[in-house]
Structure formats: C-alpha cells, structure tokens
Amino acid sequence: MAQRSTPYPLAFRQQILELAKLGSTPKELSAEFGPCAETIKYWIAQEARDMGKPLPGKGGLTTAEQAELSALRRENRRLKMERDILAKATAWFAGKGEKIFTPSSN
C-alpha cells in the first residue's frame, strides 16, 4: 500500500492538534478550518499512537510502523518480481538445453 498523501500540510495538522489539546472539539475545528471532523479525530488518534499512548478502542500502527510496513511491502514486491524473472530465465535456459552455471571442480 502506498503511503497516503494528504492535502493538509504537516504544520497545519500540528496546529489543529494543538488547538484540540487546548479544548477545541473536532467538530468546532472542522467548522472553522475545513478538514472533516473524522479526519481530525484520526489525526488525534494517530498522534496518541505515535506518543505511545493510544486512545481506548483506537489501536493501530504508529507512523513509523506504517512507514516500515510500506517499505517492507515494496521490498517484498521487488523480491517476488526478481524471483519470477529468475524462474522464467531458468525455464528458458532449460528449454534451450544449455547449462546455467558450471560447478567448480574442487
């Protein structure tokens, strides 16, 4: 899964989170600044996870874990593609009756 892009800059999200910490509700922030209340609730829950204090009922991966998972999935796709290419090359060479490698004589 590719990392999600957001139309909201990081500084804007941080400002919204600061206002939420000061007592503004997601609904109030949504009305004043634009992002829907659910998006703001997600930002609040994600920040709590990143701080090691997940909100009750709001489990999930931290931002760092999401980035690592994304990188591992990308690497896994690349390795599968390489494996498939090698399998096709092996089959092609086997069909031609040629040796792929010569074992050492030691």
PDB file of N, CA and C in Angstrom:
ATOM      1  N   MET A   1       0.841  -1.166   0.000  1.00  0.00           N
ATOM      2  CA  MET A   1       0.000   0.000   0.000  1.00  0.00           C
ATOM      3  C   MET A   1       0.888   1.231   0.000  1.00  0.00           C
ATOM      4  N   ALA A   2       0.600   2.150  -0.889  1.00  0.00           N
ATOM      5  CA  ALA A   2       1.387   3.374  -0.944  1.00  0.00           C
ATOM      6  C   ALA A   2       1.005   4.273   0.215  1.00  0.00           C
ATOM      7  N   GLN A   3       1.960   5.054   0.594  1.00  0.00           N
ATOM      8  CA  GLN A   3       1.698   5.969   1.679  1.00  0.00           C
ATOM      9  C   GLN A   3       0.662   6.978   1.224  1.00  0.00           C
ATOM     10  N   ARG A   4      -0.306   7.254   2.094  1.00  0.00           N
ATOM     11  CA  ARG A   4      -1.373   8.182   1.750  1.00  0.00           C
ATOM     12  C   ARG A   4      -0.843   9.607   1.722  1.00  0.00           C
ATOM     13  N   SER A   5      -1.266  10.328   0.716  1.00  0.00           N
ATOM     14  CA  SER A   5      -0.920  11.743   0.683  1.00  0.00           C
ATOM     15  C   SER A   5      -2.086  12.513   1.277  1.00  0.00           C
ATOM     16  N   THR A   6      -1.828  13.688   1.737  1.00  0.00           N
ATOM     17  CA  THR A   6      -2.874  14.483   2.340  1.00  0.00           C
ATOM     18  C   THR A   6      -2.831  15.891   1.763  1.00  0.00           C
ATOM     19  N   PRO A   7      -3.982  16.513   1.600  1.00  0.00           N
ATOM     20  CA  PRO A   7      -3.972  17.872   1.096  1.00  0.00           C
ATOM     21  C   PRO A   7      -3.586  18.884   2.178  1.00  0.00           C
ATOM     22  N   TYR A   8      -3.411  18.426   3.403  1.00  0.00           N
ATOM     23  CA  TYR A   8      -3.103  19.316   4.516  1.00  0.00           C
ATOM     24  C   TYR A   8      -1.629  19.220   4.892  1.00  0.00           C
ATOM     25  N   PRO A   9      -0.928  20.336   4.876  1.00  0.00           N
ATOM     26  CA  PRO A   9       0.490  20.322   5.256  1.00  0.00           C
ATOM     27  C   PRO A   9       0.672  19.927   6.721  1.00  0.00           C
ATOM     28  N   LEU A  10       1.846  19.394   7.022  1.00  0.00           N
ATOM     29  CA  LEU A  10       2.156  18.941   8.374  1.00  0.00           C
ATOM     30  C   LEU A  10       1.978  20.065   9.393  1.00  0.00           C
ATOM     31  N   ALA A  11       2.445  21.261   9.083  1.00  0.00           N
ATOM     32  CA  ALA A  11       2.328  22.386  10.017  1.00  0.00           C
ATOM     33  C   ALA A  11       0.859  22.685  10.330  1.00  0.00           C
ATOM     34  N   PHE A  12      -0.002  22.572   9.333  1.00  0.00           N
ATOM     35  CA  PHE A  12      -1.441  22.799   9.535  1.00  0.00           C
ATOM     36  C   PHE A  12      -2.017  21.741  10.467  1.00  0.00           C
ATOM     37  N   ARG A  13      -1.665  20.479  10.213  1.00  0.00           N
ATOM     38  CA  ARG A  13      -2.166  19.385  11.068  1.00  0.00           C
ATOM     39  C   ARG A  13      -1.696  19.580  12.503  1.00  0.00           C
ATOM     40  N   GLN A  14      -0.438  19.982  12.681  1.00  0.00           N
ATOM     41  CA  GLN A  14       0.082  20.192  14.031  1.00  0.00           C
ATOM     42  C   GLN A  14      -0.658  21.328  14.732  1.00  0.00           C
ATOM     43  N   GLN A  15      -0.984  22.366  13.980  1.00  0.00           N
ATOM     44  CA  GLN A  15      -1.724  23.483  14.559  1.00  0.00           C
ATOM     45  C   GLN A  15      -3.122  23.023  15.009  1.00  0.00           C
ATOM     46  N   ILE A  16      -3.763  22.227  14.192  1.00  0.00           N
ATOM     47  CA  ILE A  16      -5.083  21.689  14.546  1.00  0.00           C
ATOM     48  C   ILE A  16      -4.973  20.836  15.817  1.00  0.00           C
ATOM     49  N   LEU A  17      -3.931  20.009  15.887  1.00  0.00           N
ATOM     50  CA  LEU A  17      -3.737  19.157  17.066  1.00  0.00           C
ATOM     51  C   LEU A  17      -3.505  19.996  18.323  1.00  0.00           C
ATOM     52  N   GLU A  18      -2.770  21.082  18.194  1.00  0.00           N
ATOM     53  CA  GLU A  18      -2.544  21.974  19.345  1.00  0.00           C
ATOM     54  C   GLU A  18      -3.865  22.582  19.813  1.00  0.00           C
ATOM     55  N   LEU A  19      -4.693  23.014  18.875  1.00  0.00           N
ATOM     56  CA  LEU A  19      -5.992  23.580  19.232  1.00  0.00           C
ATOM     57  C   LEU A  19      -6.887  22.526  19.893  1.00  0.00           C
ATOM     58  N   ALA A  20      -6.790  21.283  19.429  1.00  0.00           N
ATOM     59  CA  ALA A  20      -7.564  20.200  20.044  1.00  0.00           C
ATOM     60  C   ALA A  20      -7.096  19.968  21.483  1.00  0.00           C
ATOM     61  N   LYS A  21      -5.787  20.039  21.695  1.00  0.00           N
ATOM     62  CA  LYS A  21      -5.252  19.879  23.055  1.00  0.00           C
ATOM     63  C   LYS A  21      -5.732  20.998  23.977  1.00  0.00           C
ATOM     64  N   LEU A  22      -5.968  22.175  23.408  1.00  0.00           N
ATOM     65  CA  LEU A  22      -6.430  23.313  24.196  1.00  0.00           C
ATOM     66  C   LEU A  22      -7.933  23.262  24.462  1.00  0.00           C
ATOM     67  N   GLY A  23      -8.605  22.240  23.917  1.00  0.00           N
ATOM     68  CA  GLY A  23     -10.010  22.045  24.248  1.00  0.00           C
ATOM     69  C   GLY A  23     -11.001  22.173  23.114  1.00  0.00           C
ATOM     70  N   SER A  24     -10.562  22.557  21.950  1.00  0.00           N
ATOM     71  CA  SER A  24     -11.494  22.639  20.818  1.00  0.00           C
ATOM     72  C   SER A  24     -11.887  21.233  20.381  1.00  0.00           C
ATOM     73  N   THR A  25     -13.134  21.049  20.025  1.00  0.00           N
ATOM     74  CA  THR A  25     -13.601  19.734  19.579  1.00  0.00           C
ATOM     75  C   THR A  25     -13.318  19.577  18.088  1.00  0.00           C
ATOM     76  N   PRO A  26     -13.219  18.328  17.628  1.00  0.00           N
ATOM     77  CA  PRO A  26     -13.041  18.122  16.184  1.00  0.00           C
ATOM     78  C   PRO A  26     -14.133  18.784  15.354  1.00  0.00           C
ATOM     79  N   LYS A  27     -15.359  18.789  15.866  1.00  0.00           N
ATOM     80  CA  LYS A  27     -16.469  19.406  15.129  1.00  0.00           C
ATOM     81  C   LYS A  27     -16.248  20.920  14.999  1.00  0.00           C
ATOM     82  N   GLU A  28     -15.810  21.564  16.077  1.00  0.00           N
ATOM     83  CA  GLU A  28     -15.547  23.003  16.037  1.00  0.00           C
ATOM     84  C   GLU A  28     -14.394  23.318  15.080  1.00  0.00           C
ATOM     85  N   LEU A  29     -13.337  22.521  15.176  1.00  0.00           N
ATOM     86  CA  LEU A  29     -12.173  22.726  14.316  1.00  0.00           C
ATOM     87  C   LEU A  29     -12.529  22.509  12.852  1.00  0.00           C
ATOM     88  N   SER A  30     -13.389  21.531  12.600  1.00  0.00           N
ATOM     89  CA  SER A  30     -13.833  21.253  11.243  1.00  0.00           C
ATOM     90  C   SER A  30     -14.588  22.448  10.667  1.00  0.00           C
ATOM     91  N   ALA A  31     -15.485  22.997  11.463  1.00  0.00           N
ATOM     92  CA  ALA A  31     -16.282  24.129  11.000  1.00  0.00           C
ATOM     93  C   ALA A  31     -15.408  25.349  10.716  1.00  0.00           C
ATOM     94  N   GLU A  32     -14.369  25.531  11.533  1.00  0.00           N
ATOM     95  CA  GLU A  32     -13.535  26.730  11.380  1.00  0.00           C
ATOM     96  C   GLU A  32     -12.446  26.590  10.323  1.00  0.00           C
ATOM     97  N   PHE A  33     -11.852  25.365  10.195  1.00  0.00           N
ATOM     98  CA  PHE A  33     -10.665  25.216   9.351  1.00  0.00           C
ATOM     99  C   PHE A  33     -10.833  24.341   8.111  1.00  0.00           C
ATOM    100  N   GLY A  34     -11.916  23.553   8.037  1.00  0.00           N
ATOM    101  CA  GLY A  34     -12.154  22.807   6.809  1.00  0.00           C
ATOM    102  C   GLY A  34     -12.069  21.299   6.842  1.00  0.00           C
ATOM    103  N   PRO A  35     -11.028  20.703   7.447  1.00  0.00           N
ATOM    104  CA  PRO A  35     -10.983  19.234   7.421  1.00  0.00           C
ATOM    105  C   PRO A  35     -12.207  18.654   8.135  1.00  0.00           C
ATOM    106  N   CYS A  36     -12.711  17.542   7.655  1.00  0.00           N
ATOM    107  CA  CYS A  36     -13.885  16.963   8.320  1.00  0.00           C
ATOM    108  C   CYS A  36     -13.502  16.494   9.729  1.00  0.00           C
ATOM    109  N   ALA A  37     -14.488  16.429  10.599  1.00  0.00           N
ATOM    110  CA  ALA A  37     -14.261  16.065  12.000  1.00  0.00           C
ATOM    111  C   ALA A  37     -13.623  14.677  12.115  1.00  0.00           C
ATOM    112  N   GLU A  38     -14.012  13.751  11.236  1.00  0.00           N
ATOM    113  CA  GLU A  38     -13.435  12.401  11.281  1.00  0.00           C
ATOM    114  C   GLU A  38     -11.942  12.427  10.981  1.00  0.00           C
ATOM    115  N   THR A  39     -11.531  13.291  10.060  1.00  0.00           N
ATOM    116  CA  THR A  39     -10.109  13.430   9.749  1.00  0.00           C
ATOM    117  C   THR A  39      -9.355  13.945  10.961  1.00  0.00           C
ATOM    118  N   ILE A  40      -9.907  14.932  11.625  1.00  0.00           N
ATOM    119  CA  ILE A  40      -9.265  15.492  12.811  1.00  0.00           C
ATOM    120  C   ILE A  40      -9.199  14.442  13.916  1.00  0.00           C
ATOM    121  N   LYS A  41     -10.265  13.661  14.087  1.00  0.00           N
ATOM    122  CA  LYS A  41     -10.249  12.575  15.085  1.00  0.00           C
ATOM    123  C   LYS A  41      -9.143  11.569  14.753  1.00  0.00           C
ATOM    124  N   TYR A  42      -8.971  11.285  13.462  1.00  0.00           N
ATOM    125  CA  TYR A  42      -7.907  10.365  13.041  1.00  0.00           C
ATOM    126  C   TYR A  42      -6.549  10.942  13.398  1.00  0.00           C
ATOM    127  N   TRP A  43      -6.327  12.234  13.128  1.00  0.00           N
ATOM    128  CA  TRP A  43      -5.051  12.873  13.462  1.00  0.00           C
ATOM    129  C   TRP A  43      -4.771  12.789  14.959  1.00  0.00           C
ATOM    130  N   ILE A  44      -5.811  13.019  15.763  1.00  0.00           N
ATOM    131  CA  ILE A  44      -5.659  12.968  17.224  1.00  0.00           C
ATOM    132  C   ILE A  44      -5.280  11.556  17.664  1.00  0.00           C
ATOM    133  N   ALA A  45      -5.970  10.546  17.123  1.00  0.00           N
ATOM    134  CA  ALA A  45      -5.680   9.152  17.476  1.00  0.00           C
ATOM    135  C   ALA A  45      -4.285   8.742  17.019  1.00  0.00           C
ATOM    136  N   GLN A  46      -3.890   9.191  15.813  1.00  0.00           N
ATOM    137  CA  GLN A  46      -2.563   8.852  15.285  1.00  0.00           C
ATOM    138  C   GLN A  46      -1.473   9.478  16.147  1.00  0.00           C
ATOM    139  N   GLU A  47      -1.658  10.712  16.550  1.00  0.00           N
ATOM    140  CA  GLU A  47      -0.666  11.361  17.408  1.00  0.00           C
ATOM    141  C   GLU A  47      -0.544  10.625  18.740  1.00  0.00           C
ATOM    142  N   ALA A  48      -1.675  10.187  19.295  1.00  0.00           N
ATOM    143  CA  ALA A  48      -1.641   9.440  20.552  1.00  0.00           C
ATOM    144  C   ALA A  48      -0.858   8.141  20.389  1.00  0.00           C
ATOM    145  N   ARG A  49      -1.072   7.437  19.260  1.00  0.00           N
ATOM    146  CA  ARG A  49      -0.316   6.198  18.999  1.00  0.00           C
ATOM    147  C   ARG A  49       1.171   6.500  18.890  1.00  0.00           C
ATOM    148  N   ASP A  50       1.510   7.563  18.166  1.00  0.00           N
ATOM    149  CA  ASP A  50       2.912   7.930  17.973  1.00  0.00           C
ATOM    150  C   ASP A  50       3.582   8.295  19.302  1.00  0.00           C
ATOM    151  N   MET A  51       2.802   8.814  20.235  1.00  0.00           N
ATOM    152  CA  MET A  51       3.339   9.196  21.547  1.00  0.00           C
ATOM    153  C   MET A  51       3.370   8.006  22.514  1.00  0.00           C
ATOM    154  N   GLY A  52       2.902   6.835  22.041  1.00  0.00           N
ATOM    155  CA  GLY A  52       2.892   5.648  22.895  1.00  0.00           C
ATOM    156  C   GLY A  52       1.718   5.591  23.854  1.00  0.00           C
ATOM    157  N   LYS A  53       0.696   6.384  23.580  1.00  0.00           N
ATOM    158  CA  LYS A  53      -0.484   6.434  24.437  1.00  0.00           C
ATOM    159  C   LYS A  53      -1.745   6.308  23.594  1.00  0.00           C
ATOM    160  N   PRO A  54      -1.953   5.134  22.984  1.00  0.00           N
ATOM    161  CA  PRO A  54      -3.121   5.003  22.104  1.00  0.00           C
ATOM    162  C   PRO A  54      -4.427   5.235  22.859  1.00  0.00           C
ATOM    163  N   LEU A  55      -5.378   5.848  22.171  1.00  0.00           N
ATOM    164  CA  LEU A  55      -6.692   6.086  22.756  1.00  0.00           C
ATOM    165  C   LEU A  55      -7.444   4.769  22.861  1.00  0.00           C
ATOM    166  N   PRO A  56      -8.278   4.609  23.881  1.00  0.00           N
ATOM    167  CA  PRO A  56      -9.059   3.370  24.012  1.00  0.00           C
ATOM    168  C   PRO A  56      -9.878   3.107  22.751  1.00  0.00           C
ATOM    169  N   GLY A  57      -9.766   1.892  22.245  1.00  0.00           N
ATOM    170  CA  GLY A  57     -10.511   1.497  21.053  1.00  0.00           C
ATOM    171  C   GLY A  57      -9.937   2.036  19.754  1.00  0.00           C
ATOM    172  N   LYS A  58      -8.795   2.692  19.811  1.00  0.00           N
ATOM    173  CA  LYS A  58      -8.185   3.277  18.619  1.00  0.00           C
ATOM    174  C   LYS A  58      -6.809   2.671  18.381  1.00  0.00           C
ATOM    175  N   GLY A  59      -6.757   1.345  18.317  1.00  0.00           N
ATOM    176  CA  GLY A  59      -5.492   0.670  18.066  1.00  0.00           C
ATOM    177  C   GLY A  59      -5.009   0.943  16.656  1.00  0.00           C
ATOM    178  N   GLY A  60      -3.839   0.472  16.358  1.00  0.00           N
ATOM    179  CA  GLY A  60      -3.301   0.658  15.027  1.00  0.00           C
ATOM    180  C   GLY A  60      -1.804   0.842  15.082  1.00  0.00           C
ATOM    181  N   LEU A  61      -1.231   1.126  13.936  1.00  0.00           N
ATOM    182  CA  LEU A  61       0.212   1.276  13.819  1.00  0.00           C
ATOM    183  C   LEU A  61       0.622   2.724  14.019  1.00  0.00           C
ATOM    184  N   THR A  62       1.810   2.911  14.575  1.00  0.00           N
ATOM    185  CA  THR A  62       2.365   4.254  14.657  1.00  0.00           C
ATOM    186  C   THR A  62       2.780   4.685  13.255  1.00  0.00           C
ATOM    187  N   THR A  63       3.081   5.947  13.106  1.00  0.00           N
ATOM    188  CA  THR A  63       3.519   6.465  11.811  1.00  0.00           C
ATOM    189  C   THR A  63       4.797   5.759  11.358  1.00  0.00           C
ATOM    190  N   ALA A  64       5.723   5.542  12.294  1.00  0.00           N
ATOM    191  CA  ALA A  64       6.974   4.851  11.961  1.00  0.00           C
ATOM    192  C   ALA A  64       6.703   3.408  11.537  1.00  0.00           C
ATOM    193  N   GLU A  65       5.785   2.736  12.225  1.00  0.00           N
ATOM    194  CA  GLU A  65       5.444   1.359  11.865  1.00  0.00           C
ATOM    195  C   GLU A  65       4.773   1.305  10.490  1.00  0.00           C
ATOM    196  N   GLN A  66       3.930   2.284  10.189  1.00  0.00           N
ATOM    197  CA  GLN A  66       3.283   2.336   8.875  1.00  0.00           C
ATOM    198  C   GLN A  66       4.327   2.517   7.777  1.00  0.00           C
ATOM    199  N   ALA A  67       5.319   3.378   8.024  1.00  0.00           N
ATOM    200  CA  ALA A  67       6.376   3.599   7.035  1.00  0.00           C
ATOM    201  C   ALA A  67       7.198   2.332   6.836  1.00  0.00           C
ATOM    202  N   GLU A  68       7.511   1.643   7.945  1.00  0.00           N
ATOM    203  CA  GLU A  68       8.282   0.400   7.842  1.00  0.00           C
ATOM    204  C   GLU A  68       7.494  -0.667   7.094  1.00  0.00           C
ATOM    205  N   LEU A  69       6.217  -0.796   7.397  1.00  0.00           N
ATOM    206  CA  LEU A  69       5.376  -1.773   6.715  1.00  0.00           C
ATOM    207  C   LEU A  69       5.320  -1.485   5.217  1.00  0.00           C
ATOM    208  N   SER A  70       5.181  -0.223   4.868  1.00  0.00           N
ATOM    209  CA  SER A  70       5.144   0.164   3.457  1.00  0.00           C
ATOM    210  C   SER A  70       6.452  -0.191   2.758  1.00  0.00           C
ATOM    211  N   ALA A  71       7.581   0.083   3.418  1.00  0.00           N
ATOM    212  CA  ALA A  71       8.890  -0.239   2.830  1.00  0.00           C
ATOM    213  C   ALA A  71       9.058  -1.742   2.677  1.00  0.00           C
ATOM    214  N   LEU A  72       8.614  -2.512   3.667  1.00  0.00           N
ATOM    215  CA  LEU A  72       8.732  -3.973   3.587  1.00  0.00           C
ATOM    216  C   LEU A  72       7.844  -4.540   2.480  1.00  0.00           C
ATOM    217  N   ARG A  73       6.670  -3.977   2.301  1.00  0.00           N
ATOM    218  CA  ARG A  73       5.786  -4.432   1.221  1.00  0.00           C
ATOM    219  C   ARG A  73       6.396  -4.133  -0.146  1.00  0.00           C
ATOM    220  N   ARG A  74       7.015  -2.936  -0.279  1.00  0.00           N
ATOM    221  CA  ARG A  74       7.695  -2.587  -1.533  1.00  0.00           C
ATOM    222  C   ARG A  74       8.829  -3.569  -1.813  1.00  0.00           C
ATOM    223  N   GLU A  75       9.631  -3.853  -0.789  1.00  0.00           N
ATOM    224  CA  GLU A  75      10.748  -4.788  -0.959  1.00  0.00           C
ATOM    225  C   GLU A  75      10.236  -6.179  -1.314  1.00  0.00           C
ATOM    226  N   ASN A  76       9.151  -6.592  -0.683  1.00  0.00           N
ATOM    227  CA  ASN A  76       8.571  -7.911  -0.963  1.00  0.00           C
ATOM    228  C   ASN A  76       8.118  -8.000  -2.419  1.00  0.00           C
ATOM    229  N   ARG A  77       7.472  -6.939  -2.932  1.00  0.00           N
ATOM    230  CA  ARG A  77       7.056  -6.930  -4.346  1.00  0.00           C
ATOM    231  C   ARG A  77       8.263  -7.033  -5.267  1.00  0.00           C
ATOM    232  N   ARG A  78       9.327  -6.290  -4.941  1.00  0.00           N
ATOM    233  CA  ARG A  78      10.540  -6.317  -5.761  1.00  0.00           C
ATOM    234  C   ARG A  78      11.163  -7.709  -5.757  1.00  0.00           C
ATOM    235  N   LEU A  79      11.250  -8.330  -4.589  1.00  0.00           N
ATOM    236  CA  LEU A  79      11.843  -9.660  -4.494  1.00  0.00           C
ATOM    237  C   LEU A  79      11.015 -10.701  -5.252  1.00  0.00           C
ATOM    238  N   LYS A  80       9.694 -10.593  -5.176  1.00  0.00           N
ATOM    239  CA  LYS A  80       8.832 -11.511  -5.929  1.00  0.00           C
ATOM    240  C   LYS A  80       9.038 -11.341  -7.426  1.00  0.00           C
ATOM    241  N   MET A  81       9.169 -10.093  -7.874  1.00  0.00           N
ATOM    242  CA  MET A  81       9.392  -9.839  -9.289  1.00  0.00           C
ATOM    243  C   MET A  81      10.738 -10.433  -9.721  1.00  0.00           C
ATOM    244  N   GLU A  82      11.772 -10.237  -8.913  1.00  0.00           N
ATOM    245  CA  GLU A  82      13.082 -10.806  -9.233  1.00  0.00           C
ATOM    246  C   GLU A  82      13.014 -12.330  -9.285  1.00  0.00           C
ATOM    247  N   ARG A  83      12.311 -12.930  -8.322  1.00  0.00           N
ATOM    248  CA  ARG A  83      12.159 -14.386  -8.304  1.00  0.00           C
ATOM    249  C   ARG A  83      11.473 -14.878  -9.576  1.00  0.00           C
ATOM    250  N   ASP A  84      10.408 -14.173  -9.978  1.00  0.00           N
ATOM    251  CA  ASP A  84       9.677 -14.566 -11.180  1.00  0.00           C
ATOM    252  C   ASP A  84      10.553 -14.444 -12.428  1.00  0.00           C
ATOM    253  N   ILE A  85      11.344 -13.385 -12.502  1.00  0.00           N
ATOM    254  CA  ILE A  85      12.254 -13.207 -13.645  1.00  0.00           C
ATOM    255  C   ILE A  85      13.279 -14.337 -13.679  1.00  0.00           C
ATOM    256  N   LEU A  86      13.843 -14.680 -12.528  1.00  0.00           N
ATOM    257  CA  LEU A  86      14.833 -15.767 -12.474  1.00  0.00           C
ATOM    258  C   LEU A  86      14.205 -17.113 -12.833  1.00  0.00           C
ATOM    259  N   ALA A  87      12.978 -17.341 -12.398  1.00  0.00           N
ATOM    260  CA  ALA A  87      12.294 -18.591 -12.737  1.00  0.00           C
ATOM    261  C   ALA A  87      12.071 -18.694 -14.251  1.00  0.00           C
ATOM    262  N   LYS A  88      11.673 -17.584 -14.868  1.00  0.00           N
ATOM    263  CA  LYS A  88      11.463 -17.584 -16.322  1.00  0.00           C
ATOM    264  C   LYS A  88      12.779 -17.774 -17.071  1.00  0.00           C
ATOM    265  N   ALA A  89      13.841 -17.142 -16.570  1.00  0.00           N
ATOM    266  CA  ALA A  89      15.154 -17.295 -17.210  1.00  0.00           C
ATOM    267  C   ALA A  89      15.631 -18.738 -17.085  1.00  0.00           C
ATOM    268  N   THR A  90      15.430 -19.324 -15.916  1.00  0.00           N
ATOM    269  CA  THR A  90      15.828 -20.720 -15.703  1.00  0.00           C
ATOM    270  C   THR A  90      15.070 -21.635 -16.661  1.00  0.00           C
ATOM    271  N   ALA A  91      13.776 -21.416 -16.779  1.00  0.00           N
ATOM    272  CA  ALA A  91      12.968 -22.245 -17.682  1.00  0.00           C
ATOM    273  C   ALA A  91      13.420 -22.045 -19.130  1.00  0.00           C
ATOM    274  N   TRP A  92      13.742 -20.819 -19.498  1.00  0.00           N
ATOM    275  CA  TRP A  92      14.182 -20.550 -20.869  1.00  0.00           C
ATOM    276  C   TRP A  92      15.498 -21.268 -21.155  1.00  0.00           C
ATOM    277  N   PHE A  93      16.468 -21.164 -20.231  1.00  0.00           N
ATOM    278  CA  PHE A  93      17.745 -21.837 -20.425  1.00  0.00           C
ATOM    279  C   PHE A  93      17.580 -23.358 -20.417  1.00  0.00           C
ATOM    280  N   ALA A  94      16.704 -23.872 -19.580  1.00  0.00           N
ATOM    281  CA  ALA A  94      16.467 -25.318 -19.534  1.00  0.00           C
ATOM    282  C   ALA A  94      15.876 -25.798 -20.853  1.00  0.00           C
ATOM    283  N   GLY A  95      15.020 -25.004 -21.441  1.00  0.00           N
ATOM    284  CA  GLY A  95      14.414 -25.354 -22.725  1.00  0.00           C
ATOM    285  C   GLY A  95      15.423 -25.332 -23.862  1.00  0.00           C
ATOM    286  N   LYS A  96      16.450 -24.545 -23.738  1.00  0.00           N
ATOM    287  CA  LYS A  96      17.480 -24.460 -24.768  1.00  0.00           C
ATOM    288  C   LYS A  96      18.538 -25.545 -24.587  1.00  0.00           C
ATOM    289  N   GLY A  97      18.476 -26.245 -23.463  1.00  0.00           N
ATOM    290  CA  GLY A  97      19.445 -27.313 -23.212  1.00  0.00           C
ATOM    291  C   GLY A  97      20.832 -26.803 -22.861  1.00  0.00           C
ATOM    292  N   GLU A  98      20.931 -25.578 -22.418  1.00  0.00           N
ATOM    293  CA  GLU A  98      22.223 -25.020 -22.049  1.00  0.00           C
ATOM    294  C   GLU A  98      22.399 -25.051 -20.538  1.00  0.00           C
ATOM    295  N   LYS A  99      23.651 -25.145 -20.118  1.00  0.00           N
ATOM    296  CA  LYS A  99      23.928 -25.094 -18.695  1.00  0.00           C
ATOM    297  C   LYS A  99      23.836 -23.653 -18.226  1.00  0.00           C
ATOM    298  N   ILE A 100      23.286 -23.467 -17.046  1.00  0.00           N
ATOM    299  CA  ILE A 100      23.151 -22.127 -16.478  1.00  0.00           C
ATOM    300  C   ILE A 100      24.435 -21.755 -15.762  1.00  0.00           C
ATOM    301  N   PHE A 101      25.045 -22.738 -15.107  1.00  0.00           N
ATOM    302  CA  PHE A 101      26.307 -22.473 -14.410  1.00  0.00           C
ATOM    303  C   PHE A 101      27.139 -23.744 -14.440  1.00  0.00           C
ATOM    304  N   THR A 102      28.405 -23.586 -14.220  1.00  0.00           N
ATOM    305  CA  THR A 102      29.319 -24.729 -14.186  1.00  0.00           C
ATOM    306  C   THR A 102      29.824 -24.895 -12.754  1.00  0.00           C
ATOM    307  N   PRO A 103      29.541 -26.046 -12.133  1.00  0.00           N
ATOM    308  CA  PRO A 103      30.038 -26.240 -10.771  1.00  0.00           C
ATOM    309  C   PRO A 103      31.567 -26.250 -10.758  1.00  0.00           C
ATOM    310  N   SER A 104      32.114 -25.834  -9.641  1.00  0.00           N
ATOM    311  CA  SER A 104      33.578 -25.813  -9.539  1.00  0.00           C
ATOM    312  C   SER A 104      34.109 -27.238  -9.511  1.00  0.00           C
ATOM    313  N   SER A 105      35.341 -27.397  -9.896  1.00  0.00           N
ATOM    314  CA  SER A 105      35.945 -28.736  -9.951  1.00  0.00           C
ATOM    315  C   SER A 105      36.621 -29.114  -8.640  1.00  0.00           C
ATOM    316  N   ASN A 106      36.485 -28.282  -7.614  1.00  0.00           N
ATOM    317  CA  ASN A 106      37.131 -28.582  -6.331  1.00  0.00           C
ATOM    318  C   ASN A 106      36.422 -29.664  -5.611  1.00  0.00           C
TER     319      ASN A 106
END
